[in-house]
């Protein structure tokens, strides 16, 4: 290289994740919010899918009642 040509220096520290603490902390905050929101919504959906639907109608044989009925 000759001395006449200027060397272009590209400043990447402003854009780099490791060097720019304000932008990286903001990014990590939004990632944490998104993960927590996904976990809450996923857990709520799972609880909704496996919810208690009520007392099922079960036919009980007469001989197993408190006062058994025999033939």
PDB file of N, CA and C in Angstrom:
ATOM      1  N   UNK A   1       0.833  -1.177   0.000  1.00  0.00           N
ATOM      2  CA  UNK A   1       0.000   0.000   0.000  1.00  0.00           C
ATOM      3  C   UNK A   1       0.880   1.244   0.000  1.00  0.00           C
ATOM      4  N   UNK A   2       0.397   2.185  -0.697  1.00  0.00           N
ATOM      5  CA  UNK A   2       1.165   3.424  -0.728  1.00  0.00           C
ATOM      6  C   UNK A   2       0.656   4.368   0.361  1.00  0.00           C
ATOM      7  N   UNK A   3       1.450   5.353   0.672  1.00  0.00           N
ATOM      8  CA  UNK A   3       1.106   6.317   1.708  1.00  0.00           C
ATOM      9  C   UNK A   3       0.042   7.316   1.236  1.00  0.00           C
ATOM     10  N   UNK A   4      -0.193   7.374  -0.061  1.00  0.00           N
ATOM     11  CA  UNK A   4      -1.151   8.340  -0.585  1.00  0.00           C
ATOM     12  C   UNK A   4      -2.602   7.924  -0.332  1.00  0.00           C
ATOM     13  N   UNK A   5      -2.873   6.656  -0.251  1.00  0.00           N
ATOM     14  CA  UNK A   5      -4.254   6.188  -0.088  1.00  0.00           C
ATOM     15  C   UNK A   5      -4.619   6.137   1.394  1.00  0.00           C
ATOM     16  N   UNK A   6      -5.716   6.768   1.751  1.00  0.00           N
ATOM     17  CA  UNK A   6      -6.125   6.723   3.164  1.00  0.00           C
ATOM     18  C   UNK A   6      -6.699   5.353   3.523  1.00  0.00           C
ATOM     19  N   UNK A   7      -6.457   4.965   4.728  1.00  0.00           N
ATOM     20  CA  UNK A   7      -6.979   3.684   5.224  1.00  0.00           C
ATOM     21  C   UNK A   7      -8.304   3.961   5.916  1.00  0.00           C
ATOM     22  N   UNK A   8      -9.303   3.262   5.456  1.00  0.00           N
ATOM     23  CA  UNK A   8     -10.634   3.473   6.027  1.00  0.00           C
ATOM     24  C   UNK A   8     -10.793   2.584   7.255  1.00  0.00           C
ATOM     25  N   UNK A   9     -11.098   3.204   8.364  1.00  0.00           N
ATOM     26  CA  UNK A   9     -11.303   2.475   9.604  1.00  0.00           C
ATOM     27  C   UNK A   9     -12.800   2.430   9.874  1.00  0.00           C
ATOM     28  N   UNK A  10     -13.301   1.247  10.019  1.00  0.00           N
ATOM     29  CA  UNK A  10     -14.736   1.085  10.264  1.00  0.00           C
ATOM     30  C   UNK A  10     -14.935   0.870  11.763  1.00  0.00           C
ATOM     31  N   UNK A  11     -15.706   1.747  12.358  1.00  0.00           N
ATOM     32  CA  UNK A  11     -16.000   1.636  13.790  1.00  0.00           C
ATOM     33  C   UNK A  11     -17.153   0.660  13.997  1.00  0.00           C
ATOM     34  N   UNK A  12     -16.829  -0.516  14.492  1.00  0.00           N
ATOM     35  CA  UNK A  12     -17.868  -1.522  14.713  1.00  0.00           C
ATOM     36  C   UNK A  12     -18.226  -1.644  16.189  1.00  0.00           C
ATOM     37  N   UNK A  13     -17.480  -0.948  17.044  1.00  0.00           N
ATOM     38  CA  UNK A  13     -17.766  -1.056  18.472  1.00  0.00           C
ATOM     39  C   UNK A  13     -19.137  -0.480  18.817  1.00  0.00           C
ATOM     40  N   UNK A  14     -19.598   0.500  18.043  1.00  0.00           N
ATOM     41  CA  UNK A  14     -20.907   1.078  18.303  1.00  0.00           C
ATOM     42  C   UNK A  14     -22.019   0.080  17.984  1.00  0.00           C
ATOM     43  N   UNK A  15     -21.783  -0.800  17.027  1.00  0.00           N
ATOM     44  CA  UNK A  15     -22.817  -1.716  16.571  1.00  0.00           C
ATOM     45  C   UNK A  15     -22.667  -3.114  17.158  1.00  0.00           C
ATOM     46  N   UNK A  16     -21.561  -3.386  17.786  1.00  0.00           N
ATOM     47  CA  UNK A  16     -21.297  -4.719  18.295  1.00  0.00           C
ATOM     48  C   UNK A  16     -22.079  -4.974  19.583  1.00  0.00           C
ATOM     49  N   UNK A  17     -22.597  -6.163  19.712  1.00  0.00           N
ATOM     50  CA  UNK A  17     -23.396  -6.539  20.875  1.00  0.00           C
ATOM     51  C   UNK A  17     -22.576  -6.514  22.161  1.00  0.00           C
ATOM     52  N   UNK A  18     -21.325  -6.949  22.088  1.00  0.00           N
ATOM     53  CA  UNK A  18     -20.493  -7.039  23.282  1.00  0.00           C
ATOM     54  C   UNK A  18     -20.000  -5.687  23.758  1.00  0.00           C
ATOM     55  N   UNK A  19     -19.865  -4.707  22.855  1.00  0.00           N
ATOM     56  CA  UNK A  19     -19.303  -3.420  23.232  1.00  0.00           C
ATOM     57  C   UNK A  19     -20.345  -2.369  23.576  1.00  0.00           C
ATOM     58  N   UNK A  20     -21.573  -2.544  23.099  1.00  0.00           N
ATOM     59  CA  UNK A  20     -22.602  -1.540  23.333  1.00  0.00           C
ATOM     60  C   UNK A  20     -23.546  -2.036  24.427  1.00  0.00           C
ATOM     61  N   UNK A  21     -23.257  -1.701  25.673  1.00  0.00           N
ATOM     62  CA  UNK A  21     -24.035  -2.195  26.807  1.00  0.00           C
ATOM     63  C   UNK A  21     -25.478  -1.697  26.796  1.00  0.00           C
ATOM     64  N   UNK A  22     -25.800  -0.445  26.481  1.00  0.00           N
ATOM     65  CA  UNK A  22     -27.202  -0.016  26.477  1.00  0.00           C
ATOM     66  C   UNK A  22     -28.062  -0.764  25.467  1.00  0.00           C
ATOM     67  N   UNK A  23     -27.565  -0.963  24.281  1.00  0.00           N
ATOM     68  CA  UNK A  23     -28.375  -1.664  23.289  1.00  0.00           C
ATOM     69  C   UNK A  23     -28.472  -3.151  23.615  1.00  0.00           C
ATOM     70  N   UNK A  24     -27.401  -3.732  24.148  1.00  0.00           N
ATOM     71  CA  UNK A  24     -27.475  -5.156  24.485  1.00  0.00           C
ATOM     72  C   UNK A  24     -28.368  -5.390  25.694  1.00  0.00           C
ATOM     73  N   UNK A  25     -28.345  -4.500  26.673  1.00  0.00           N
ATOM     74  CA  UNK A  25     -29.211  -4.696  27.833  1.00  0.00           C
ATOM     75  C   UNK A  25     -30.672  -4.501  27.452  1.00  0.00           C
ATOM     76  N   UNK A  26     -30.954  -3.582  26.549  1.00  0.00           N
ATOM     77  CA  UNK A  26     -32.322  -3.391  26.071  1.00  0.00           C
ATOM     78  C   UNK A  26     -32.781  -4.640  25.323  1.00  0.00           C
ATOM     79  N   UNK A  27     -31.915  -5.186  24.482  1.00  0.00           N
ATOM     80  CA  UNK A  27     -32.239  -6.402  23.740  1.00  0.00           C
ATOM     81  C   UNK A  27     -32.494  -7.569  24.692  1.00  0.00           C
ATOM     82  N   UNK A  28     -31.629  -7.740  25.685  1.00  0.00           N
ATOM     83  CA  UNK A  28     -31.805  -8.827  26.640  1.00  0.00           C
ATOM     84  C   UNK A  28     -33.072  -8.647  27.472  1.00  0.00           C
ATOM     85  N   UNK A  29     -33.422  -7.410  27.808  1.00  0.00           N
ATOM     86  CA  UNK A  29     -34.661  -7.148  28.527  1.00  0.00           C
ATOM     87  C   UNK A  29     -35.868  -7.592  27.708  1.00  0.00           C
ATOM     88  N   UNK A  30     -35.901  -7.232  26.431  1.00  0.00           N
ATOM     89  CA  UNK A  30     -37.026  -7.623  25.585  1.00  0.00           C
ATOM     90  C   UNK A  30     -37.069  -9.122  25.347  1.00  0.00           C
ATOM     91  N   UNK A  31     -35.922  -9.770  25.272  1.00  0.00           N
ATOM     92  CA  UNK A  31     -35.899 -11.225  25.142  1.00  0.00           C
ATOM     93  C   UNK A  31     -36.464 -11.863  26.408  1.00  0.00           C
ATOM     94  N   UNK A  32     -36.074 -11.351  27.584  1.00  0.00           N
ATOM     95  CA  UNK A  32     -36.612 -11.887  28.840  1.00  0.00           C
ATOM     96  C   UNK A  32     -38.116 -11.691  28.927  1.00  0.00           C
ATOM     97  N   UNK A  33     -38.599 -10.519  28.534  1.00  0.00           N
ATOM     98  CA  UNK A  33     -40.043 -10.262  28.558  1.00  0.00           C
ATOM     99  C   UNK A  33     -40.769 -11.224  27.620  1.00  0.00           C
ATOM    100  N   UNK A  34     -40.219 -11.444  26.442  1.00  0.00           N
ATOM    101  CA  UNK A  34     -40.850 -12.350  25.482  1.00  0.00           C
ATOM    102  C   UNK A  34     -40.867 -13.786  25.993  1.00  0.00           C
ATOM    103  N   UNK A  35     -39.780 -14.222  26.620  1.00  0.00           N
ATOM    104  CA  UNK A  35     -39.714 -15.594  27.146  1.00  0.00           C
ATOM    105  C   UNK A  35     -40.698 -15.772  28.298  1.00  0.00           C
ATOM    106  N   UNK A  36     -40.748 -14.811  29.207  1.00  0.00           N
ATOM    107  CA  UNK A  36     -41.680 -14.907  30.331  1.00  0.00           C
ATOM    108  C   UNK A  36     -43.119 -14.897  29.835  1.00  0.00           C
ATOM    109  N   UNK A  37     -43.425 -14.042  28.874  1.00  0.00           N
ATOM    110  CA  UNK A  37     -44.766 -13.992  28.303  1.00  0.00           C
ATOM    111  C   UNK A  37     -45.124 -15.314  27.626  1.00  0.00           C
ATOM    112  N   UNK A  38     -44.189 -15.904  26.901  1.00  0.00           N
ATOM    113  CA  UNK A  38     -44.436 -17.193  26.251  1.00  0.00           C
ATOM    114  C   UNK A  38     -44.672 -18.289  27.278  1.00  0.00           C
ATOM    115  N   UNK A  39     -43.899 -18.292  28.366  1.00  0.00           N
ATOM    116  CA  UNK A  39     -44.103 -19.302  29.405  1.00  0.00           C
ATOM    117  C   UNK A  39     -45.453 -19.144  30.095  1.00  0.00           C
ATOM    118  N   UNK A  40     -45.848 -17.914  30.379  1.00  0.00           N
ATOM    119  CA  UNK A  40     -47.134 -17.679  31.035  1.00  0.00           C
ATOM    120  C   UNK A  40     -48.280 -18.087  30.118  1.00  0.00           C
ATOM    121  N   UNK A  41     -48.210 -17.691  28.862  1.00  0.00           N
ATOM    122  CA  UNK A  41     -49.267 -18.058  27.930  1.00  0.00           C
ATOM    123  C   UNK A  41     -49.310 -19.571  27.683  1.00  0.00           C
ATOM    124  N   UNK A  42     -48.161 -20.197  27.579  1.00  0.00           N
ATOM    125  CA  UNK A  42     -48.112 -21.648  27.393  1.00  0.00           C
ATOM    126  C   UNK A  42     -48.639 -22.404  28.601  1.00  0.00           C
ATOM    127  N   UNK A  43     -48.288 -21.941  29.798  1.00  0.00           N
ATOM    128  CA  UNK A  43     -48.788 -22.583  31.009  1.00  0.00           C
ATOM    129  C   UNK A  43     -50.282 -22.402  31.174  1.00  0.00           C
ATOM    130  N   UNK A  44     -50.774 -21.222  30.837  1.00  0.00           N
ATOM    131  CA  UNK A  44     -52.211 -20.974  30.918  1.00  0.00           C
ATOM    132  C   UNK A  44     -52.965 -21.849  29.928  1.00  0.00           C
ATOM    133  N   UNK A  45     -52.428 -21.986  28.738  1.00  0.00           N
ATOM    134  CA  UNK A  45     -53.081 -22.840  27.741  1.00  0.00           C
ATOM    135  C   UNK A  45     -53.085 -24.301  28.186  1.00  0.00           C
ATOM    136  N   UNK A  46     -51.969 -24.763  28.762  1.00  0.00           N
ATOM    137  CA  UNK A  46     -51.900 -26.148  29.234  1.00  0.00           C
ATOM    138  C   UNK A  46     -52.897 -26.387  30.370  1.00  0.00           C
ATOM    139  N   UNK A  47     -53.008 -25.416  31.279  1.00  0.00           N
ATOM    140  CA  UNK A  47     -53.991 -25.552  32.350  1.00  0.00           C
ATOM    141  C   UNK A  47     -55.413 -25.549  31.794  1.00  0.00           C
ATOM    142  N   UNK A  48     -55.662 -24.759  30.771  1.00  0.00           N
ATOM    143  CA  UNK A  48     -56.989 -24.712  30.167  1.00  0.00           C
ATOM    144  C   UNK A  48     -57.314 -26.039  29.476  1.00  0.00           C
ATOM    145  N   UNK A  49     -56.350 -26.630  28.817  1.00  0.00           N
ATOM    146  CA  UNK A  49     -56.586 -27.893  28.123  1.00  0.00           C
ATOM    147  C   UNK A  49     -56.817 -29.050  29.098  1.00  0.00           C
ATOM    148  N   UNK A  50     -56.190 -29.030  30.254  1.00  0.00           N
ATOM    149  CA  UNK A  50     -56.305 -30.114  31.228  1.00  0.00           C
ATOM    150  C   UNK A  50     -57.170 -29.711  32.412  1.00  0.00           C
ATOM    151  N   UNK A  51     -58.132 -28.842  32.181  1.00  0.00           N
ATOM    152  CA  UNK A  51     -58.973 -28.351  33.274  1.00  0.00           C
ATOM    153  C   UNK A  51     -59.949 -29.426  33.738  1.00  0.00           C
ATOM    154  N   UNK A  52     -60.487 -29.213  34.931  1.00  0.00           N
ATOM    155  CA  UNK A  52     -61.473 -30.126  35.511  1.00  0.00           C
ATOM    156  C   UNK A  52     -62.812 -29.855  34.849  1.00  0.00           C
ATOM    157  N   UNK A  53     -63.382 -30.874  34.228  1.00  0.00           N
ATOM    158  CA  UNK A  53     -64.615 -30.682  33.463  1.00  0.00           C
ATOM    159  C   UNK A  53     -65.860 -31.020  34.265  1.00  0.00           C
ATOM    160  N   UNK A  54     -65.705 -31.457  35.478  1.00  0.00           N
ATOM    161  CA  UNK A  54     -66.872 -31.737  36.305  1.00  0.00           C
ATOM    162  C   UNK A  54     -66.929 -33.197  36.722  1.00  0.00           C
ATOM    163  N   UNK A  55     -67.933 -33.481  37.491  1.00  0.00           N
ATOM    164  CA  UNK A  55     -68.101 -34.820  38.007  1.00  0.00           C
ATOM    165  C   UNK A  55     -68.637 -35.734  36.908  1.00  0.00           C
ATOM    166  N   UNK A  56     -67.917 -36.790  36.569  1.00  0.00           N
ATOM    167  CA  UNK A  56     -68.409 -37.671  35.513  1.00  0.00           C
ATOM    168  C   UNK A  56     -69.563 -38.545  36.004  1.00  0.00           C
ATOM    169  N   UNK A  57     -70.424 -38.936  35.093  1.00  0.00           N
ATOM    170  CA  UNK A  57     -71.536 -39.816  35.414  1.00  0.00           C
ATOM    171  C   UNK A  57     -71.006 -41.239  35.417  1.00  0.00           C
ATOM    172  N   UNK A  58     -70.907 -41.844  36.608  1.00  0.00           N
ATOM    173  CA  UNK A  58     -70.353 -43.185  36.749  1.00  0.00           C
ATOM    174  C   UNK A  58     -71.464 -44.106  37.244  1.00  0.00           C
ATOM    175  N   UNK A  59     -71.627 -45.245  36.576  1.00  0.00           N
ATOM    176  CA  UNK A  59     -72.628 -46.226  37.010  1.00  0.00           C
ATOM    177  C   UNK A  59     -71.985 -47.135  38.057  1.00  0.00           C
ATOM    178  N   UNK A  60     -72.564 -47.105  39.276  1.00  0.00           N
ATOM    179  CA  UNK A  60     -72.020 -47.878  40.390  1.00  0.00           C
ATOM    180  C   UNK A  60     -72.852 -49.155  40.547  1.00  0.00           C
ATOM    181  N   UNK A  61     -72.205 -50.318  40.618  1.00  0.00           N
ATOM    182  CA  UNK A  61     -72.955 -51.558  40.817  1.00  0.00           C
ATOM    183  C   UNK A  61     -73.691 -51.533  42.162  1.00  0.00           C
ATOM    184  N   UNK A  62     -74.864 -52.132  42.200  1.00  0.00           N
ATOM    185  CA  UNK A  62     -75.696 -52.119  43.398  1.00  0.00           C
ATOM    186  C   UNK A  62     -75.078 -52.843  44.585  1.00  0.00           C
ATOM    187  N   UNK A  63     -74.256 -53.862  44.335  1.00  0.00           N
ATOM    188  CA  UNK A  63     -73.675 -54.615  45.444  1.00  0.00           C
ATOM    189  C   UNK A  63     -72.504 -53.898  46.104  1.00  0.00           C
ATOM    190  N   UNK A  64     -72.053 -52.737  45.578  1.00  0.00           N
ATOM    191  CA  UNK A  64     -70.940 -52.003  46.185  1.00  0.00           C
ATOM    192  C   UNK A  64     -71.407 -50.748  46.902  1.00  0.00           C
ATOM    193  N   UNK A  65     -72.703 -50.538  47.011  1.00  0.00           N
ATOM    194  CA  UNK A  65     -73.237 -49.366  47.693  1.00  0.00           C
ATOM    195  C   UNK A  65     -73.088 -49.485  49.202  1.00  0.00           C
ATOM    196  N   UNK A  66     -73.356 -48.396  49.934  1.00  0.00           N
ATOM    197  CA  UNK A  66     -73.283 -48.426  51.398  1.00  0.00           C
ATOM    198  C   UNK A  66     -74.328 -49.402  51.953  1.00  0.00           C
ATOM    199  N   UNK A  67     -75.525 -49.355  51.403  1.00  0.00           N
ATOM    200  CA  UNK A  67     -76.557 -50.367  51.696  1.00  0.00           C
ATOM    201  C   UNK A  67     -76.677 -51.221  50.451  1.00  0.00           C
ATOM    202  N   UNK A  68     -75.955 -52.353  50.389  1.00  0.00           N
ATOM    203  CA  UNK A  68     -75.903 -53.146  49.162  1.00  0.00           C
ATOM    204  C   UNK A  68     -77.275 -53.703  48.783  1.00  0.00           C
ATOM    205  N   UNK A  69     -77.466 -53.757  47.485  1.00  0.00           N
ATOM    206  CA  UNK A  69     -78.700 -54.340  46.926  1.00  0.00           C
ATOM    207  C   UNK A  69     -78.281 -55.605  46.198  1.00  0.00           C
ATOM    208  N   UNK A  70     -78.803 -56.743  46.678  1.00  0.00           N
ATOM    209  CA  UNK A  70     -78.460 -58.025  46.054  1.00  0.00           C
ATOM    210  C   UNK A  70     -79.644 -58.513  45.244  1.00  0.00           C
ATOM    211  N   UNK A  71     -79.405 -59.451  44.363  1.00  0.00           N
ATOM    212  CA  UNK A  71     -80.454 -60.009  43.541  1.00  0.00           C
ATOM    213  C   UNK A  71     -81.379 -60.894  44.340  1.00  0.00           C
TER     214      UNK A  71
END
